[in-house]
N, C-alpha and C. Protein backbone atom coordinates (compact mmCIF):
# COMPACT_ATOMS: atom_id res chain seq x y z
N UNK A 1 0.89 -1.33 0.07
CA UNK A 1 0.25 -0.29 0.15
C UNK A 1 0.85 0.76 -0.01
N UNK A 2 1.00 1.79 -0.69
CA UNK A 2 1.39 3.51 -0.76
C UNK A 2 0.23 4.64 -0.03
N UNK A 3 1.54 5.46 0.54
CA UNK A 3 1.11 6.55 1.35
C UNK A 3 2.16 7.59 0.42
N UNK A 4 1.72 9.01 0.89
CA UNK A 4 1.92 10.66 0.22
C UNK A 4 2.48 10.54 1.04
N UNK A 5 3.50 12.22 1.42
CA UNK A 5 3.54 13.02 2.17
C UNK A 5 3.90 14.20 1.51
N UNK A 6 3.48 15.63 1.81
CA UNK A 6 4.05 16.70 1.44
C UNK A 6 3.91 17.58 2.73
N UNK A 7 4.68 18.33 2.19
CA UNK A 7 5.03 19.78 3.07
C UNK A 7 4.91 20.74 1.93
N UNK A 8 4.38 21.25 2.93
CA UNK A 8 3.10 23.10 1.66
C UNK A 8 4.87 24.18 2.04
N UNK A 9 5.80 23.86 2.73
CA UNK A 9 7.03 24.92 2.98
C UNK A 9 7.36 25.34 1.30
N UNK A 10 7.28 26.35 1.03
CA UNK A 10 7.66 27.79 -0.33
C UNK A 10 6.84 27.03 -1.37
N UNK A 11 6.27 26.42 -1.08
CA UNK A 11 5.02 26.37 -2.11
C UNK A 11 3.47 27.29 -2.25
N UNK A 12 2.95 27.24 -3.02
CA UNK A 12 2.02 27.72 -2.87
C UNK A 12 0.87 26.26 -2.93
N UNK A 13 -0.66 27.23 -3.07
CA UNK A 13 -1.50 26.68 -2.96
C UNK A 13 -1.90 25.87 -3.77
N UNK A 14 -1.71 26.36 -4.96
CA UNK A 14 -1.51 25.71 -6.29
C UNK A 14 -1.14 24.77 -6.59
N UNK A 15 0.30 25.03 -6.23
CA UNK A 15 1.59 24.15 -6.66
C UNK A 15 0.70 22.51 -5.73
N UNK A 16 0.46 22.76 -4.87
CA UNK A 16 0.57 21.83 -3.48
C UNK A 16 -1.23 20.56 -4.44
N UNK A 17 -2.03 21.62 -4.78
CA UNK A 17 -3.39 21.04 -4.97
C UNK A 17 -2.81 20.41 -6.54
N UNK A 18 -2.46 20.84 -7.06
CA UNK A 18 -1.11 20.45 -8.65
C UNK A 18 -0.51 19.09 -8.53
N UNK A 19 0.67 19.03 -7.16
CA UNK A 19 1.46 17.84 -6.38
C UNK A 19 -0.05 16.66 -6.20
N UNK A 20 -1.11 16.94 -5.38
CA UNK A 20 -1.91 15.96 -5.41
C UNK A 20 -2.73 15.33 -6.07
N UNK A 21 -2.89 16.02 -7.21
CA UNK A 21 -4.30 15.78 -7.94
C UNK A 21 -3.15 14.52 -8.75
N UNK A 22 -2.01 14.96 -9.12
CA UNK A 22 -1.04 14.80 -10.44
C UNK A 22 -0.68 13.02 -9.23
N UNK A 23 -0.32 13.08 -7.95
CA UNK A 23 0.08 11.60 -7.34
C UNK A 23 -1.23 10.94 -7.17
N UNK A 24 -3.25 11.68 -7.73
CA UNK A 24 -3.99 10.75 -7.31
C UNK A 24 -4.29 10.21 -6.58
N UNK A 25 -4.07 11.87 -5.48
CA UNK A 25 -4.36 11.61 -4.08
C UNK A 25 -5.79 11.98 -4.02
N UNK A 26 -6.58 11.45 -2.91
CA UNK A 26 -7.90 11.49 -2.81
C UNK A 26 -8.20 11.73 -1.44
N UNK A 27 -7.21 11.85 -0.25
CA UNK A 27 -7.52 12.85 1.12
C UNK A 27 -6.60 13.29 1.18
N UNK A 28 -6.53 13.78 2.19
CA UNK A 28 -5.49 14.51 2.76
C UNK A 28 -5.18 14.76 4.45
N UNK A 29 -4.46 13.90 5.20
CA UNK A 29 -4.30 14.29 6.57
C UNK A 29 -3.45 14.51 6.73
N UNK A 30 -3.89 15.63 7.60
CA UNK A 30 -3.19 16.73 8.00
C UNK A 30 -2.80 16.51 9.28
N UNK A 31 -1.09 16.49 9.59
CA UNK A 31 -0.91 15.86 11.19
C UNK A 31 -0.09 17.33 11.69
N UNK A 32 -0.52 18.46 11.32
CA UNK A 32 0.30 19.30 12.07
C UNK A 32 -0.48 19.72 13.57
N UNK A 33 0.08 19.51 14.68
CA UNK A 33 -0.57 20.09 15.79
C UNK A 33 -1.24 21.17 15.60
N UNK A 34 -1.20 22.51 15.33
CA UNK A 34 -1.68 23.31 15.06
C UNK A 34 -1.68 23.96 14.02
N UNK A 35 -3.02 23.95 12.80
CA UNK A 35 -3.88 23.73 11.66
C UNK A 35 -3.67 25.13 11.14
N UNK A 36 -3.05 26.21 11.56
CA UNK A 36 -2.96 27.90 11.40
C UNK A 36 -1.61 27.61 10.83
N UNK A 37 -1.74 28.82 9.70
CA UNK A 37 -0.56 29.23 8.76
C UNK A 37 -0.60 31.03 8.70
N UNK A 38 0.17 30.88 8.84
CA UNK A 38 0.31 32.68 7.80
C UNK A 38 0.58 32.91 6.39
N UNK A 39 0.80 31.32 5.72
CA UNK A 39 0.86 31.12 4.85
C UNK A 39 -0.29 31.31 4.13
N UNK A 40 -1.18 32.21 2.87
CA UNK A 40 -2.35 32.50 2.16
C UNK A 40 -2.93 30.88 1.95
N UNK A 41 -4.22 29.85 2.41
CA UNK A 41 -4.75 28.81 1.52
C UNK A 41 -4.54 28.18 2.93
N UNK A 42 -3.17 27.96 4.15
CA UNK A 42 -3.07 26.82 4.58
C UNK A 42 -3.32 26.54 5.65
N UNK A 43 -4.10 27.63 6.28
CA UNK A 43 -4.75 27.37 7.43
C UNK A 43 -6.17 26.88 7.19
N UNK A 44 -6.53 25.69 8.37
CA UNK A 44 -7.48 24.66 8.50
C UNK A 44 -9.00 24.65 7.20
N UNK A 45 -9.72 25.64 7.39
CA UNK A 45 -10.84 25.66 7.07
C UNK A 45 -10.48 26.04 5.14
N UNK A 46 -9.26 27.03 5.37
CA UNK A 46 -8.97 27.76 3.49
C UNK A 46 -8.27 26.49 3.47
N UNK A 47 -7.99 25.34 3.77
CA UNK A 47 -6.84 24.20 3.23
C UNK A 47 -8.47 23.06 2.73
N UNK A 48 -9.27 23.00 4.23
CA UNK A 48 -10.28 22.64 3.40
C UNK A 48 -10.68 22.59 2.31
N UNK A 49 -11.18 23.98 2.50
CA UNK A 49 -12.23 24.26 1.08
C UNK A 49 -11.44 24.08 -0.34
N UNK A 50 -9.63 24.81 -0.19
CA UNK A 50 -8.79 23.91 -1.68
C UNK A 50 -9.19 23.17 -2.15
N UNK A 51 -8.74 22.24 -1.05
CA UNK A 51 -8.65 20.98 -1.13
C UNK A 51 -10.43 20.25 -1.81
N UNK A 52 -11.00 20.40 -1.03
CA UNK A 52 -12.67 20.13 -1.28
C UNK A 52 -12.63 20.69 -2.58
N UNK A 53 -12.11 21.69 -3.30
CA UNK A 53 -12.73 22.89 -5.07
C UNK A 53 -12.43 21.42 -5.78
N UNK A 54 -10.68 21.01 -5.57
CA UNK A 54 -10.42 19.62 -6.15
C UNK A 54 -10.85 17.95 -6.11
N UNK A 55 -12.02 17.90 -5.40
CA UNK A 55 -12.32 16.46 -5.10
C UNK A 55 -11.59 16.16 -3.90
N UNK A 56 -10.98 16.57 -3.57
CA UNK A 56 -10.05 15.61 -2.13
C UNK A 56 -10.39 15.98 -0.65
N UNK A 57 -10.50 14.99 -0.03
CA UNK A 57 -10.96 14.97 0.88
C UNK A 57 -9.99 15.76 2.29
N UNK A 58 -10.48 16.31 3.92
CA UNK A 58 -9.48 16.33 4.64
C UNK A 58 -10.09 16.22 5.29
N UNK A 59 -8.66 16.03 6.45
CA UNK A 59 -8.92 15.50 8.00
C UNK A 59 -8.37 16.33 9.36
N UNK A 60 -8.49 16.69 10.15
CA UNK A 60 -6.68 17.02 10.57
C UNK A 60 -6.67 16.13 11.62
N UNK A 61 -5.65 15.72 12.27
CA UNK A 61 -5.04 15.26 13.47
C UNK A 61 -4.10 15.73 14.35
N UNK A 62 -4.71 16.60 14.64
CA UNK A 62 -4.14 16.85 16.43
C UNK A 62 -3.21 16.87 16.79
N UNK A 63 -3.47 15.92 17.33
CA UNK A 63 -2.19 14.69 18.45
C UNK A 63 -0.88 14.01 17.55
N UNK A 64 -1.44 14.00 16.33
CA UNK A 64 -0.55 13.65 14.89
C UNK A 64 0.90 14.21 14.68
N UNK A 65 0.59 15.82 15.59
CA UNK A 65 1.44 16.88 15.02
C UNK A 65 2.51 16.99 15.49
N UNK A 66 3.95 17.59 15.71
CA UNK A 66 4.71 18.05 16.76
C UNK A 66 4.66 18.71 17.95
N UNK A 67 5.28 18.32 18.80
CA UNK A 67 4.76 19.92 20.33
C UNK A 67 5.56 20.18 19.80
N UNK A 68 5.95 21.93 20.09
CA UNK A 68 6.35 23.11 20.17
C UNK A 68 8.37 22.49 20.15
N UNK A 69 8.72 21.71 21.03
CA UNK A 69 9.88 21.39 21.65
C UNK A 69 10.29 20.89 19.84
N UNK A 70 9.34 20.05 19.46
CA UNK A 70 9.91 19.15 18.52
C UNK A 70 9.88 19.85 16.91
N UNK A 71 9.20 20.67 16.75
CA UNK A 71 8.72 21.82 15.63
C UNK A 71 10.18 22.55 15.95
N UNK A 72 10.53 22.83 17.19
CA UNK A 72 11.94 24.40 17.45
C UNK A 72 12.79 23.26 16.95
N UNK A 73 13.31 22.26 17.41
CA UNK A 73 14.24 20.90 16.86
C UNK A 73 14.21 21.22 15.36
N UNK A 74 12.86 20.83 14.82
CA UNK A 74 13.22 20.56 13.59
C UNK A 74 13.37 21.82 12.46
N UNK A 75 13.01 23.04 13.07
CA UNK A 75 13.83 24.56 12.46
C UNK A 75 15.04 24.27 12.52
N UNK A 76 15.99 23.88 14.03
CA UNK A 76 17.31 24.01 14.49
C UNK A 76 18.19 22.41 13.15
N UNK A 77 17.34 21.89 12.87
CA UNK A 77 18.17 20.65 12.71
C UNK A 77 18.57 19.53 13.13
N UNK A 78 18.19 19.72 14.33
CA UNK A 78 17.93 18.79 15.33
C UNK A 78 17.10 17.63 15.25
N UNK A 79 18.00 16.39 14.22
CA UNK A 79 16.49 15.53 14.64
C UNK A 79 16.69 14.58 15.83
N UNK A 80 17.46 14.80 16.45
CA UNK A 80 17.67 13.60 17.72
C UNK A 80 16.75 14.23 18.74
N UNK A 81 16.32 15.18 18.63
CA UNK A 81 15.81 16.12 19.41
C UNK A 81 13.98 15.93 19.20
N UNK A 82 14.13 15.70 17.68
CA UNK A 82 13.19 16.26 17.09
C UNK A 82 12.34 14.16 17.52
N UNK A 83 13.28 13.73 17.16
CA UNK A 83 12.56 12.01 17.52
C UNK A 83 12.70 11.65 18.38
N UNK A 84 12.77 12.40 19.67
CA UNK A 84 12.87 12.06 21.27
C UNK A 84 11.05 12.67 21.37
N UNK A 85 10.96 13.72 20.77
CA UNK A 85 9.89 14.65 21.80
C UNK A 85 8.59 14.11 20.84
N UNK A 86 8.68 13.62 19.50
CA UNK A 86 7.69 12.90 18.95
C UNK A 86 7.11 11.49 19.25
N UNK A 87 8.56 11.12 19.43
CA UNK A 87 8.54 9.55 20.04
C UNK A 87 7.59 9.32 21.52
N UNK A 88 7.27 10.63 22.42
CA UNK A 88 6.88 10.84 23.64
C UNK A 88 5.10 10.74 23.16
N UNK A 89 5.38 12.24 22.11
CA UNK A 89 3.82 11.94 21.75
C UNK A 89 3.21 11.12 20.64
N UNK A 90 3.46 9.60 19.97
CA UNK A 90 3.33 9.05 19.88
C UNK A 90 3.23 7.89 20.92
N UNK A 91 3.36 7.50 21.74
CA UNK A 91 2.83 7.02 22.56
C UNK A 91 1.64 7.46 23.27
N UNK A 92 1.32 8.98 23.11
CA UNK A 92 0.09 8.98 24.00
C UNK A 92 -1.24 8.01 23.36
N UNK A 93 -2.20 7.93 24.21
CA UNK A 93 -3.38 7.37 23.97
C UNK A 93 -4.09 7.70 22.56
N UNK A 94 -4.30 9.12 22.76
CA UNK A 94 -4.99 9.96 21.35
C UNK A 94 -4.27 9.85 20.24
N UNK A 95 -2.96 9.69 20.33
CA UNK A 95 -1.89 9.63 18.53
C UNK A 95 -1.86 8.56 19.08
N UNK A 96 -2.13 7.19 19.10
CA UNK A 96 -2.39 5.95 19.34
C UNK A 96 -3.56 6.12 18.39
N UNK A 97 -4.57 6.61 18.79
CA UNK A 97 -5.95 6.31 18.19
C UNK A 97 -6.40 7.14 17.06
N UNK A 98 -5.43 8.28 16.73
CA UNK A 98 -5.20 9.15 15.24
C UNK A 98 -4.64 8.55 14.39
N UNK A 99 -3.37 7.68 14.43
CA UNK A 99 -2.95 6.97 14.26
C UNK A 99 -3.03 5.82 13.29
N UNK A 100 -4.50 5.14 13.85
CA UNK A 100 -5.04 3.90 13.89
C UNK A 100 -6.09 4.39 12.09
N UNK A 101 -6.95 6.16 12.51
CA UNK A 101 -7.43 6.38 11.71
C UNK A 101 -7.01 7.01 10.19
N UNK A 102 -5.97 7.45 10.57
CA UNK A 102 -4.92 7.13 9.62
C UNK A 102 -4.64 6.51 8.36
N UNK A 103 -4.19 4.92 9.68
CA UNK A 103 -3.61 3.71 8.83
C UNK A 103 -5.51 3.48 8.33
N UNK A 104 -6.19 3.84 8.49
CA UNK A 104 -7.69 3.15 8.11
C UNK A 104 -8.05 4.44 6.24
N UNK A 105 -7.13 5.47 6.34
CA UNK A 105 -7.72 6.60 5.16
C UNK A 105 -6.60 6.10 4.20
N UNK A 106 -5.66 5.76 4.44
CA UNK A 106 -4.98 4.68 3.54
C UNK A 106 -5.11 3.17 3.09
N UNK A 107 -5.64 3.16 4.07
CA UNK A 107 -6.06 1.68 3.18
C UNK A 107 -7.11 1.81 2.19
N UNK A 108 -8.15 3.01 2.66
CA UNK A 108 -9.01 3.33 2.03
C UNK A 108 -8.66 3.82 0.32
N UNK A 109 -8.16 5.11 0.93
CA UNK A 109 -8.01 5.44 -0.40
C UNK A 109 -6.70 5.65 -0.82
N UNK A 110 -5.82 6.50 -1.66
CA UNK A 110 -4.65 7.16 -2.02
C UNK A 110 -4.64 8.16 -0.83
N UNK A 111 -4.31 8.78 0.17
CA UNK A 111 -3.72 9.71 1.04
C UNK A 111 -2.52 10.44 1.13
N UNK A 112 -1.96 11.58 1.61
CA UNK A 112 -0.77 12.28 1.58
C UNK A 112 -1.38 12.67 2.74
N UNK A 113 -0.52 12.68 3.77
CA UNK A 113 0.04 13.22 5.29
C UNK A 113 0.56 14.34 4.79
N UNK A 114 -0.19 15.41 5.45
CA UNK A 114 0.55 17.01 5.27
C UNK A 114 1.22 17.20 6.41
N UNK A 115 2.27 18.65 5.96
CA UNK A 115 2.82 18.85 7.26
C UNK A 115 3.33 20.51 6.18
N UNK A 116 3.54 21.43 7.42
CA UNK A 116 4.54 22.26 6.70
C UNK A 116 6.35 22.22 5.82
N UNK A 117 6.77 21.25 6.81
CA UNK A 117 8.18 20.91 7.10
C UNK A 117 8.08 20.23 5.14
N UNK A 118 8.72 21.18 4.23
CA UNK A 118 9.13 20.27 2.83
C UNK A 118 9.91 19.32 2.70
N UNK A 119 10.91 19.45 3.82
CA UNK A 119 12.11 17.79 3.90
C UNK A 119 11.77 17.06 4.62
N UNK A 120 11.02 15.79 4.11
CA UNK A 120 10.50 14.46 4.43
C UNK A 120 11.68 13.88 5.99
N UNK A 121 12.90 14.08 5.34
CA UNK A 121 14.15 14.03 6.41
C UNK A 121 14.58 14.47 8.19
N UNK A 122 13.49 15.82 7.87
CA UNK A 122 14.21 16.92 9.00
C UNK A 122 12.45 16.74 9.39
N UNK A 123 11.08 15.81 9.54
CA UNK A 123 9.73 16.15 9.51
C UNK A 123 9.60 14.93 10.03
N UNK A 124 8.08 15.06 11.06
CA UNK A 124 7.93 14.09 11.72
C UNK A 124 7.06 13.17 10.74
N UNK A 125 6.25 13.64 9.78
CA UNK A 125 5.87 12.48 8.81
C UNK A 125 6.62 11.34 8.74
N UNK A 126 7.56 11.56 8.49
CA UNK A 126 8.66 10.18 8.75
C UNK A 126 8.85 9.95 9.34
N UNK A 127 8.78 10.17 10.92
CA UNK A 127 8.32 8.87 11.98
C UNK A 127 7.47 8.74 12.27
N UNK A 128 6.33 9.05 11.78
CA UNK A 128 5.20 8.62 12.35
C UNK A 128 4.90 7.76 10.80
N UNK A 129 5.68 7.55 9.73
CA UNK A 129 5.13 6.41 8.72
C UNK A 129 6.40 5.04 9.52
N UNK A 130 7.14 5.69 9.77
CA UNK A 130 8.13 4.55 10.32
C UNK A 130 7.57 3.73 11.67
N UNK A 131 7.09 4.48 12.71
CA UNK A 131 6.32 4.00 13.48
C UNK A 131 5.15 3.32 13.63
N UNK A 132 4.12 4.14 12.40
CA UNK A 132 2.60 3.17 12.52
C UNK A 132 3.05 2.59 11.04
N UNK A 133 3.30 2.87 10.02
CA UNK A 133 3.14 2.41 8.60
C UNK A 133 4.11 1.88 8.10
N UNK A 134 4.77 1.23 9.18
CA UNK A 134 6.26 0.42 7.99
C UNK A 134 6.39 0.19 7.02
N UNK A 135 5.32 -1.35 7.05
CA UNK A 135 5.25 -1.14 5.43
C UNK A 135 4.86 -1.12 4.65
N UNK A 136 4.80 0.48 4.34
CA UNK A 136 4.06 0.98 3.61
C UNK A 136 4.87 1.44 2.26
N UNK A 137 4.38 1.34 1.05
CA UNK A 137 5.69 2.13 -0.31
C UNK A 137 5.22 3.60 0.30
N UNK A 138 6.10 4.24 0.25
CA UNK A 138 6.46 6.02 0.89
C UNK A 138 6.77 6.75 -0.51
N UNK A 139 6.04 8.07 -1.48
CA UNK A 139 6.19 8.62 -1.79
C UNK A 139 5.52 10.09 -1.14
N UNK A 140 7.16 10.87 -1.25
CA UNK A 140 7.43 11.89 -0.60
C UNK A 140 7.06 13.46 -2.17
N UNK A 141 6.07 13.67 -1.82
CA UNK A 141 5.68 14.82 -2.98
C UNK A 141 7.19 15.86 -2.37
N UNK A 142 7.56 16.52 -3.92
CA UNK A 142 8.31 17.56 -3.00
C UNK A 142 9.58 17.32 -2.76
N UNK A 143 10.54 16.70 -2.53
CA UNK A 143 11.03 16.02 -1.85
C UNK A 143 12.41 16.38 -2.88
């Protein structure tokens, strides 16, 4: 089974929508802790509407987001701290429940995990997949 990931850093809404459509994505799992963005079109409501306009579903999974300490570590390129913080996040019951929901989405139809960070090597998307979906074929859009 294939799972897609996409980070919208340095991309426009139109570029993200085009990449998702080209890949055949049918739904997006937003795994940001805070589904707000200073980038036009990427805050939760606007993003959901933009995705809906091209026939892509949207769900937000707050508990699968990275806590502030992990986001700060990622910005600094501190992968070790990001991994430590995110491992703690994934141990939480709500995160485990949401990971199961995302796995069900992936099994249902082509799904992309979305967050801000463009580089999957410095993003919790890769950590979530390694922990919760290690048997999946992964395609990082914009990587």
